[in-house]
Each structure stands twice: as C-alpha cells, then as structure tokens.
Amino acid sequence: MLKCYRQEIWKRATKGCPFSRFLGKGGAVMARVGVDIHIDATQALQTLSEAQKLLSPGKCRELLLLTLTDTGRAAKSVIGDTVTEDYVVTKGWAADKVGFPQVSGGLTVIVPVRGSRGVIGPVYPIAGASGGKKKRRIKASIVRSGVSTLPAKMSNQGGNPPFIGKGMVYTRKTSKRYPIVRVVGLGVPQMPINRSKEKIEKKLLAEMEKSATRHFGRLFGG
C-alpha cells in the first residue's frame, strides 16, 4: 500500500524572477509542499511470503531490507516517468523533487517528495489567451487531458486578474501596481496524491516484486 503524508514548508523565492524587485520585501512567499510516500512491504508479495518458509530469519531480514532499498531507489525514476504521463512537466523537473529514501521499522520505505508549485510559464506552458483586454482569460497546459483556463481573478492571491509578463503569469497582490506574485500550478508533491497515485503504486509494487525475486534467488542459492 502506498500512503502519502502531506507537509507544507514556506520559503522566500526571488531567484530567476525578472520582476524580483517588485515582489515586496524579502521576495514572494511560495509554499513548498511536501509529502512522504510510505511504501509498505506487508502487502506483498508472494516472494517475501515464500521466503519465510525457505530462508533463515537473518536472510529474510536481509531480503526485506534489500527489496525496500531497491524500491526506494526506483521511486525517483518511477515518479518522474509517471507524473509526466498525467501532467505537462518534464521528467527531469519532476524527478528532481524526489529525495533519498529511508527504510523505517523494517517493513516500510519512506520516500520524501518536496518542491514548490510549478510556475505558469517556465514549468507549465502558457497555451494562449482569449477575450478583450478587460476580460482576458489566460490558458495554460497543466494536465495532459486538456488546456486549463485560469480564473478571471486570483482569489487566493489578492483577488486581481492574472497577466503575462516576460514569459510568466503574474497577478497583483493589491489594487496597486506592485507588489506582484507569480501564478502557480501543482507541485510534484501533490501529484502522487492526485491523478498519478494509482499508477505510481502499481509500478512501485512491481519494482518491489522484481527486486524480491532477484535477491531471493541469490540468497536461496547461497
């Protein structure tokens, strides 16, 4: 079973922003959303169940540890590949948000996924705009299933309309011209608990089974 535990970390972000001097004191505050993906080996795996009958307790523990370690290492590639099937992001950008796995309690591997939400423009492509100057609606490619139309007003970021500048989408925090903030879509940590969760779980369990079978053959033969 794949379980996700959500966290939020806040950071200030100005790097790479052409309007950084107008983002207000200290820069724009962006949410760094995080999840810890827990991959539970107790689901498993026929191979691990059979191993208990044929291997010593010490070799069973070794098999479990090797299997969980391999599965955790595979998570970076699996998550990077899978979220790009559902979201319009690059594999490298997605995989870069997956941290180093840790084995916990002997039965679970914990894979940390961290990262700020993807900015509309550099991460999620701007797909155009429609309407006149006062009622212009900006479109962005966020999910593979279709183009998303941004709200007419960004209610969670000051209540003003979004606008395009220097290849990014911004909105004003107040009725004044500045400060402005970048408009963002989903971050990678949200993807395993949304559209991509079932696919990621299926692929990671397959990796676990493959690893367990390989290591069982070596340990049993030895």
C-alpha atoms as a PDB file:
ATOM      1  CA  MET A   1       0.000   0.000   0.000  1.00  0.00           C
ATOM      2  CA  LEU A   2       1.274   3.456  -0.923  1.00  0.00           C
ATOM      3  CA  LYS A   3       0.400   6.138   1.620  1.00  0.00           C
ATOM      4  CA  CYS A   4       1.169   9.851   1.384  1.00  0.00           C
ATOM      5  CA  TYR A   5       1.628  12.165   4.361  1.00  0.00           C
ATOM      6  CA  ARG A   6       1.433  15.843   3.451  1.00  0.00           C
ATOM      7  CA  GLN A   7       3.589  18.680   4.785  1.00  0.00           C
ATOM      8  CA  GLU A   8       3.912  22.367   3.975  1.00  0.00           C
ATOM      9  CA  ILE A   9       7.129  24.316   4.218  1.00  0.00           C
ATOM     10  CA  TRP A  10       7.331  28.005   3.338  1.00  0.00           C
ATOM     11  CA  LYS A  11      10.227  29.695   1.625  1.00  0.00           C
ATOM     12  CA  ARG A  12      11.016  33.014   0.008  1.00  0.00           C
ATOM     13  CA  ALA A  13      11.680  32.880  -3.707  1.00  0.00           C
ATOM     14  CA  THR A  14      13.066  35.606  -5.931  1.00  0.00           C
ATOM     15  CA  LYS A  15      15.747  33.814  -7.942  1.00  0.00           C
ATOM     16  CA  GLY A  16      15.051  33.737 -11.641  1.00  0.00           C
ATOM     17  CA  CYS A  17      12.203  36.210 -11.455  1.00  0.00           C
ATOM     18  CA  PRO A  18      12.576  39.206 -13.827  1.00  0.00           C
ATOM     19  CA  PHE A  19      10.328  41.321 -11.547  1.00  0.00           C
ATOM     20  CA  SER A  20      12.008  40.348  -8.269  1.00  0.00           C
ATOM     21  CA  ARG A  21      12.463  43.981  -7.175  1.00  0.00           C
ATOM     22  CA  PHE A  22       8.687  44.433  -7.278  1.00  0.00           C
ATOM     23  CA  LEU A  23       7.764  41.318  -5.309  1.00  0.00           C
ATOM     24  CA  GLY A  24       7.707  43.069  -1.968  1.00  0.00           C
ATOM     25  CA  LYS A  25      10.089  42.963   0.963  1.00  0.00           C
ATOM     26  CA  GLY A  26      12.030  39.696   1.066  1.00  0.00           C
ATOM     27  CA  GLY A  27      10.566  38.378  -2.154  1.00  0.00           C
ATOM     28  CA  ALA A  28       7.471  36.339  -2.859  1.00  0.00           C
ATOM     29  CA  VAL A  29       6.499  33.754  -0.278  1.00  0.00           C
ATOM     30  CA  MET A  30       5.841  30.433  -2.003  1.00  0.00           C
ATOM     31  CA  ALA A  31       4.525  27.247  -0.473  1.00  0.00           C
ATOM     32  CA  ARG A  32       6.932  24.330  -0.589  1.00  0.00           C
ATOM     33  CA  VAL A  33       4.513  21.490  -0.351  1.00  0.00           C
ATOM     34  CA  GLY A  34       5.880  18.127   0.696  1.00  0.00           C
ATOM     35  CA  VAL A  35       4.707  14.561   1.054  1.00  0.00           C
ATOM     36  CA  ASP A  36       6.347  11.469   2.449  1.00  0.00           C
ATOM     37  CA  ILE A  37       5.402   8.424   0.399  1.00  0.00           C
ATOM     38  CA  HIS A  38       5.299   5.286   2.557  1.00  0.00           C
ATOM     39  CA  ILE A  39       5.667   2.016   0.648  1.00  0.00           C
ATOM     40  CA  ASP A  40       4.531  -0.857   2.848  1.00  0.00           C
ATOM     41  CA  ALA A  41       6.062  -4.274   2.181  1.00  0.00           C
ATOM     42  CA  THR A  42       3.489  -6.161   4.205  1.00  0.00           C
ATOM     43  CA  GLN A  43       1.246  -6.111   1.095  1.00  0.00           C
ATOM     44  CA  ALA A  44       3.362  -8.128  -0.641  1.00  0.00           C
ATOM     45  CA  LEU A  45       4.473 -10.003  -2.137  1.00  0.00           C
ATOM     46  CA  GLN A  46       4.221 -13.648  -2.692  1.00  0.00           C
ATOM     47  CA  THR A  47       8.010 -13.863  -2.958  1.00  0.00           C
ATOM     48  CA  LEU A  48       8.539 -12.448   0.528  1.00  0.00           C
ATOM     49  CA  SER A  49       5.903 -14.771   1.975  1.00  0.00           C
ATOM     50  CA  GLU A  50       7.520 -17.812   0.394  1.00  0.00           C
ATOM     51  CA  ALA A  51      10.946 -16.685   1.556  1.00  0.00           C
ATOM     52  CA  GLN A  52       9.916 -17.077   5.200  1.00  0.00           C
ATOM     53  CA  LYS A  53       9.454 -20.800   4.621  1.00  0.00           C
ATOM     54  CA  LEU A  54      12.780 -21.317   2.848  1.00  0.00           C
ATOM     55  CA  LEU A  55      15.254 -18.833   4.314  1.00  0.00           C
ATOM     56  CA  SER A  56      16.668 -18.324   7.778  1.00  0.00           C
ATOM     57  CA  PRO A  57      15.328 -15.347   9.782  1.00  0.00           C
ATOM     58  CA  GLY A  58      18.568 -13.482   9.139  1.00  0.00           C
ATOM     59  CA  LYS A  59      18.361 -13.948   5.386  1.00  0.00           C
ATOM     60  CA  CYS A  60      14.668 -12.996   5.436  1.00  0.00           C
ATOM     61  CA  ARG A  61      15.557  -9.697   7.096  1.00  0.00           C
ATOM     62  CA  GLU A  62      18.317  -9.147   4.532  1.00  0.00           C
ATOM     63  CA  LEU A  63      15.905  -9.884   1.684  1.00  0.00           C
ATOM     64  CA  LEU A  64      13.366  -7.419   3.040  1.00  0.00           C
ATOM     65  CA  LEU A  65      15.958  -4.678   3.518  1.00  0.00           C
ATOM     66  CA  LEU A  66      17.441  -5.152   0.035  1.00  0.00           C
ATOM     67  CA  THR A  67      13.970  -5.174  -1.539  1.00  0.00           C
ATOM     68  CA  LEU A  68      12.851  -1.998   0.216  1.00  0.00           C
ATOM     69  CA  THR A  69      16.126  -0.226  -0.574  1.00  0.00           C
ATOM     70  CA  ASP A  70      15.861  -1.089  -4.276  1.00  0.00           C
ATOM     71  CA  THR A  71      12.218   0.033  -4.363  1.00  0.00           C
ATOM     72  CA  GLY A  72      13.052   3.349  -2.741  1.00  0.00           C
ATOM     73  CA  ARG A  73      15.833   3.990  -5.230  1.00  0.00           C
ATOM     74  CA  ALA A  74      13.487   3.174  -8.109  1.00  0.00           C
ATOM     75  CA  ALA A  75      10.935   5.691  -6.822  1.00  0.00           C
ATOM     76  CA  LYS A  76      12.770   8.678  -8.350  1.00  0.00           C
ATOM     77  CA  SER A  77      12.531   7.249 -11.857  1.00  0.00           C
ATOM     78  CA  VAL A  78       9.017   5.854 -11.340  1.00  0.00           C
ATOM     79  CA  ILE A  79       7.593   9.156 -10.070  1.00  0.00           C
ATOM     80  CA  GLY A  80       9.422  11.158 -12.740  1.00  0.00           C
ATOM     81  CA  ASP A  81       8.104   8.904 -15.524  1.00  0.00           C
ATOM     82  CA  THR A  82       4.560   8.600 -14.184  1.00  0.00           C
ATOM     83  CA  VAL A  83       3.672  12.206 -13.424  1.00  0.00           C
ATOM     84  CA  THR A  84       4.731  13.203 -16.948  1.00  0.00           C
ATOM     85  CA  GLU A  85       2.004  10.878 -18.252  1.00  0.00           C
ATOM     86  CA  ASP A  86      -0.625  12.977 -16.460  1.00  0.00           C
ATOM     87  CA  TYR A  87       0.930  16.441 -16.200  1.00  0.00           C
ATOM     88  CA  VAL A  88       2.669  18.716 -18.717  1.00  0.00           C
ATOM     89  CA  VAL A  89       6.064  18.776 -16.969  1.00  0.00           C
ATOM     90  CA  THR A  90       9.462  17.370 -17.824  1.00  0.00           C
ATOM     91  CA  LYS A  91      10.707  14.135 -16.282  1.00  0.00           C
ATOM     92  CA  GLY A  92      13.851  15.861 -15.004  1.00  0.00           C
ATOM     93  CA  TRP A  93      11.878  18.605 -13.208  1.00  0.00           C
ATOM     94  CA  ALA A  94       9.628  16.013 -11.556  1.00  0.00           C
ATOM     95  CA  ALA A  95      12.366  13.531 -10.611  1.00  0.00           C
ATOM     96  CA  ASP A  96      14.484  16.306  -9.097  1.00  0.00           C
ATOM     97  CA  LYS A  97      11.838  16.742  -6.359  1.00  0.00           C
ATOM     98  CA  VAL A  98      12.196  13.142  -5.121  1.00  0.00           C
ATOM     99  CA  GLY A  99      14.565  12.799  -2.180  1.00  0.00           C
ATOM    100  CA  PHE A 100      16.724   9.970  -0.843  1.00  0.00           C
ATOM    101  CA  PRO A 101      14.615   7.081   0.536  1.00  0.00           C
ATOM    102  CA  GLN A 102      14.872   5.700   4.064  1.00  0.00           C
ATOM    103  CA  VAL A 103      13.832   2.309   5.414  1.00  0.00           C
ATOM    104  CA  SER A 104      11.731   2.592   8.576  1.00  0.00           C
ATOM    105  CA  GLY A 105      10.702  -0.121  11.010  1.00  0.00           C
ATOM    106  CA  GLY A 106      11.948  -2.896   8.775  1.00  0.00           C
ATOM    107  CA  LEU A 107       8.742  -3.044   6.736  1.00  0.00           C
ATOM    108  CA  THR A 108       8.362   0.383   5.159  1.00  0.00           C
ATOM    109  CA  VAL A 109      10.403   2.591   2.870  1.00  0.00           C
ATOM    110  CA  ILE A 110       9.776   6.347   3.118  1.00  0.00           C
ATOM    111  CA  VAL A 111      10.360   8.444   0.004  1.00  0.00           C
ATOM    112  CA  PRO A 112      10.334  12.229   0.595  1.00  0.00           C
ATOM    113  CA  VAL A 113       8.936  14.399  -2.209  1.00  0.00           C
ATOM    114  CA  ARG A 114       9.484  18.147  -1.876  1.00  0.00           C
ATOM    115  CA  GLY A 115       9.192  21.172  -4.096  1.00  0.00           C
ATOM    116  CA  SER A 116       7.445  24.449  -4.773  1.00  0.00           C
ATOM    117  CA  ARG A 117       4.475  24.580  -7.095  1.00  0.00           C
ATOM    118  CA  GLY A 118       5.302  24.883 -10.776  1.00  0.00           C
ATOM    119  CA  VAL A 119       5.159  28.437 -12.130  1.00  0.00           C
ATOM    120  CA  ILE A 120       2.844  29.052 -15.082  1.00  0.00           C
ATOM    121  CA  GLY A 121       5.191  29.836 -17.956  1.00  0.00           C
ATOM    122  CA  PRO A 122       8.578  28.243 -17.191  1.00  0.00           C
ATOM    123  CA  VAL A 123       7.143  24.945 -15.914  1.00  0.00           C
ATOM    124  CA  TYR A 124       3.590  24.765 -17.215  1.00  0.00           C
ATOM    125  CA  PRO A 125       3.446  26.249 -20.743  1.00  0.00           C
ATOM    126  CA  ILE A 126       1.182  29.200 -21.429  1.00  0.00           C
ATOM    127  CA  ALA A 127      -1.332  27.984 -24.017  1.00  0.00           C
ATOM    128  CA  GLY A 128      -2.640  31.382 -25.068  1.00  0.00           C
ATOM    129  CA  ALA A 129      -5.268  33.895 -24.036  1.00  0.00           C
ATOM    130  CA  SER A 130      -8.739  34.857 -25.184  1.00  0.00           C
ATOM    131  CA  GLY A 131     -11.099  37.770 -24.742  1.00  0.00           C
ATOM    132  CA  GLY A 132     -10.628  41.524 -24.737  1.00  0.00           C
ATOM    133  CA  LYS A 133      -8.234  43.492 -22.565  1.00  0.00           C
ATOM    134  CA  LYS A 134     -10.629  43.781 -19.614  1.00  0.00           C
ATOM    135  CA  LYS A 135     -11.972  40.209 -19.795  1.00  0.00           C
ATOM    136  CA  ARG A 136      -8.885  38.387 -20.984  1.00  0.00           C
ATOM    137  CA  ARG A 137      -8.644  34.737 -19.907  1.00  0.00           C
ATOM    138  CA  ILE A 138      -5.231  33.090 -19.835  1.00  0.00           C
ATOM    139  CA  LYS A 139      -4.888  29.415 -20.708  1.00  0.00           C
ATOM    140  CA  ALA A 140      -2.157  27.040 -19.527  1.00  0.00           C
ATOM    141  CA  SER A 141      -1.164  23.440 -20.206  1.00  0.00           C
ATOM    142  CA  ILE A 142      -1.097  21.786 -16.763  1.00  0.00           C
ATOM    143  CA  VAL A 143      -2.672  18.343 -17.257  1.00  0.00           C
ATOM    144  CA  ARG A 144      -2.339  16.171 -20.358  1.00  0.00           C
ATOM    145  CA  SER A 145      -6.092  15.735 -20.641  1.00  0.00           C
ATOM    146  CA  GLY A 146      -6.686  19.316 -21.788  1.00  0.00           C
ATOM    147  CA  VAL A 147      -5.896  23.016 -21.536  1.00  0.00           C
ATOM    148  CA  SER A 148      -6.770  24.792 -18.272  1.00  0.00           C
ATOM    149  CA  THR A 149      -8.273  28.287 -18.187  1.00  0.00           C
ATOM    150  CA  LEU A 150      -7.040  30.388 -15.274  1.00  0.00           C
ATOM    151  CA  PRO A 151      -9.643  32.159 -13.120  1.00  0.00           C
ATOM    152  CA  ALA A 152     -10.644  35.666 -14.136  1.00  0.00           C
ATOM    153  CA  LYS A 153      -9.466  36.776 -10.673  1.00  0.00           C
ATOM    154  CA  MET A 154      -6.906  35.024  -8.475  1.00  0.00           C
ATOM    155  CA  SER A 155      -8.936  34.955  -5.263  1.00  0.00           C
ATOM    156  CA  ASN A 156      -6.207  33.183  -3.276  1.00  0.00           C
ATOM    157  CA  GLN A 157      -3.520  35.682  -4.305  1.00  0.00           C
ATOM    158  CA  GLY A 158      -5.130  39.087  -3.847  1.00  0.00           C
ATOM    159  CA  GLY A 159      -8.271  38.841  -5.967  1.00  0.00           C
ATOM    160  CA  ASN A 160      -6.879  40.509  -9.087  1.00  0.00           C
ATOM    161  CA  PRO A 161      -6.713  39.212 -12.685  1.00  0.00           C
ATOM    162  CA  PRO A 162      -3.622  37.309 -13.892  1.00  0.00           C
ATOM    163  CA  PHE A 163      -1.413  38.787 -16.602  1.00  0.00           C
ATOM    164  CA  ILE A 164       1.515  37.646 -18.731  1.00  0.00           C
ATOM    165  CA  GLY A 165       4.945  39.247 -18.448  1.00  0.00           C
ATOM    166  CA  LYS A 166       8.408  38.037 -19.524  1.00  0.00           C
ATOM    167  CA  GLY A 167       7.079  34.548 -20.272  1.00  0.00           C
ATOM    168  CA  MET A 168       5.451  34.078 -16.841  1.00  0.00           C
ATOM    169  CA  VAL A 169       1.991  34.639 -15.423  1.00  0.00           C
ATOM    170  CA  TYR A 170       1.629  37.096 -12.542  1.00  0.00           C
ATOM    171  CA  THR A 171      -1.093  38.736 -10.513  1.00  0.00           C
ATOM    172  CA  ARG A 172      -1.134  41.831  -8.287  1.00  0.00           C
ATOM    173  CA  LYS A 173      -1.418  41.365  -4.545  1.00  0.00           C
ATOM    174  CA  THR A 174      -3.327  44.622  -4.044  1.00  0.00           C
ATOM    175  CA  SER A 175      -5.142  47.255  -6.073  1.00  0.00           C
ATOM    176  CA  LYS A 176      -1.788  48.987  -6.574  1.00  0.00           C
ATOM    177  CA  ARG A 177       0.618  48.164  -9.377  1.00  0.00           C
ATOM    178  CA  TYR A 178       3.082  46.431  -7.050  1.00  0.00           C
ATOM    179  CA  PRO A 179       3.818  44.014  -5.389  1.00  0.00           C
ATOM    180  CA  ILE A 180       3.126  41.192  -7.833  1.00  0.00           C
ATOM    181  CA  VAL A 181       3.327  37.407  -7.385  1.00  0.00           C
ATOM    182  CA  ARG A 182       3.786  34.523  -9.763  1.00  0.00           C
ATOM    183  CA  VAL A 183       0.785  32.319 -10.559  1.00  0.00           C
ATOM    184  CA  VAL A 184       1.495  28.638  -9.991  1.00  0.00           C
ATOM    185  CA  GLY A 185       0.023  25.232 -10.739  1.00  0.00           C
ATOM    186  CA  LEU A 186       0.529  21.964  -8.880  1.00  0.00           C
ATOM    187  CA  GLY A 187       3.823  20.940  -7.337  1.00  0.00           C
ATOM    188  CA  VAL A 188       5.245  17.429  -7.728  1.00  0.00           C
ATOM    189  CA  PRO A 189       4.391  16.524  -4.090  1.00  0.00           C
ATOM    190  CA  GLN A 190       0.687  16.946  -4.884  1.00  0.00           C
ATOM    191  CA  MET A 191       0.795  14.712  -7.956  1.00  0.00           C
ATOM    192  CA  PRO A 192       1.246  11.318  -6.232  1.00  0.00           C
ATOM    193  CA  ILE A 193      -1.858  12.046  -4.144  1.00  0.00           C
ATOM    194  CA  ASN A 194      -3.918  13.180  -7.125  1.00  0.00           C
ATOM    195  CA  ARG A 195      -4.111  11.769 -10.659  1.00  0.00           C
ATOM    196  CA  SER A 196      -0.907   9.727 -10.576  1.00  0.00           C
ATOM    197  CA  LYS A 197      -1.315   7.881  -7.269  1.00  0.00           C
ATOM    198  CA  GLU A 198      -2.683   4.548  -8.554  1.00  0.00           C
ATOM    199  CA  LYS A 199      -0.148   4.351 -11.387  1.00  0.00           C
ATOM    200  CA  ILE A 200       2.758   5.076  -9.051  1.00  0.00           C
ATOM    201  CA  GLU A 201       1.563   2.491  -6.535  1.00  0.00           C
ATOM    202  CA  LYS A 202       1.220  -0.174  -9.228  1.00  0.00           C
ATOM    203  CA  LYS A 203       4.692   0.497 -10.657  1.00  0.00           C
ATOM    204  CA  LEU A 204       6.417   0.584  -7.273  1.00  0.00           C
ATOM    205  CA  LEU A 205       4.828  -2.699  -6.199  1.00  0.00           C
ATOM    206  CA  ALA A 206       6.009  -4.229  -9.485  1.00  0.00           C
ATOM    207  CA  GLU A 207       9.543  -2.952  -8.748  1.00  0.00           C
ATOM    208  CA  MET A 208       9.300  -4.474  -5.270  1.00  0.00           C
ATOM    209  CA  GLU A 209       8.265  -7.856  -6.642  1.00  0.00           C
ATOM    210  CA  LYS A 210      11.055  -7.810  -9.236  1.00  0.00           C
ATOM    211  CA  SER A 211      13.690  -6.900  -6.643  1.00  0.00           C
ATOM    212  CA  ALA A 212      12.452  -9.504  -4.152  1.00  0.00           C
ATOM    213  CA  THR A 213      12.565 -12.238  -6.783  1.00  0.00           C
ATOM    214  CA  ARG A 214      16.118 -11.335  -7.822  1.00  0.00           C
ATOM    215  CA  HIS A 215      17.516 -11.181  -4.284  1.00  0.00           C
ATOM    216  CA  PHE A 216      15.619 -14.303  -3.180  1.00  0.00           C
ATOM    217  CA  GLY A 217      17.285 -16.320  -5.943  1.00  0.00           C
ATOM    218  CA  ARG A 218      20.726 -15.143  -4.817  1.00  0.00           C
ATOM    219  CA  LEU A 219      20.113 -15.680  -1.085  1.00  0.00           C
ATOM    220  CA  PHE A 220      18.461 -19.076  -1.540  1.00  0.00           C
ATOM    221  CA  GLY A 221      21.200 -20.226  -3.861  1.00  0.00           C
ATOM    222  CA  GLY A 222      23.841 -19.060  -1.409  1.00  0.00           C
END
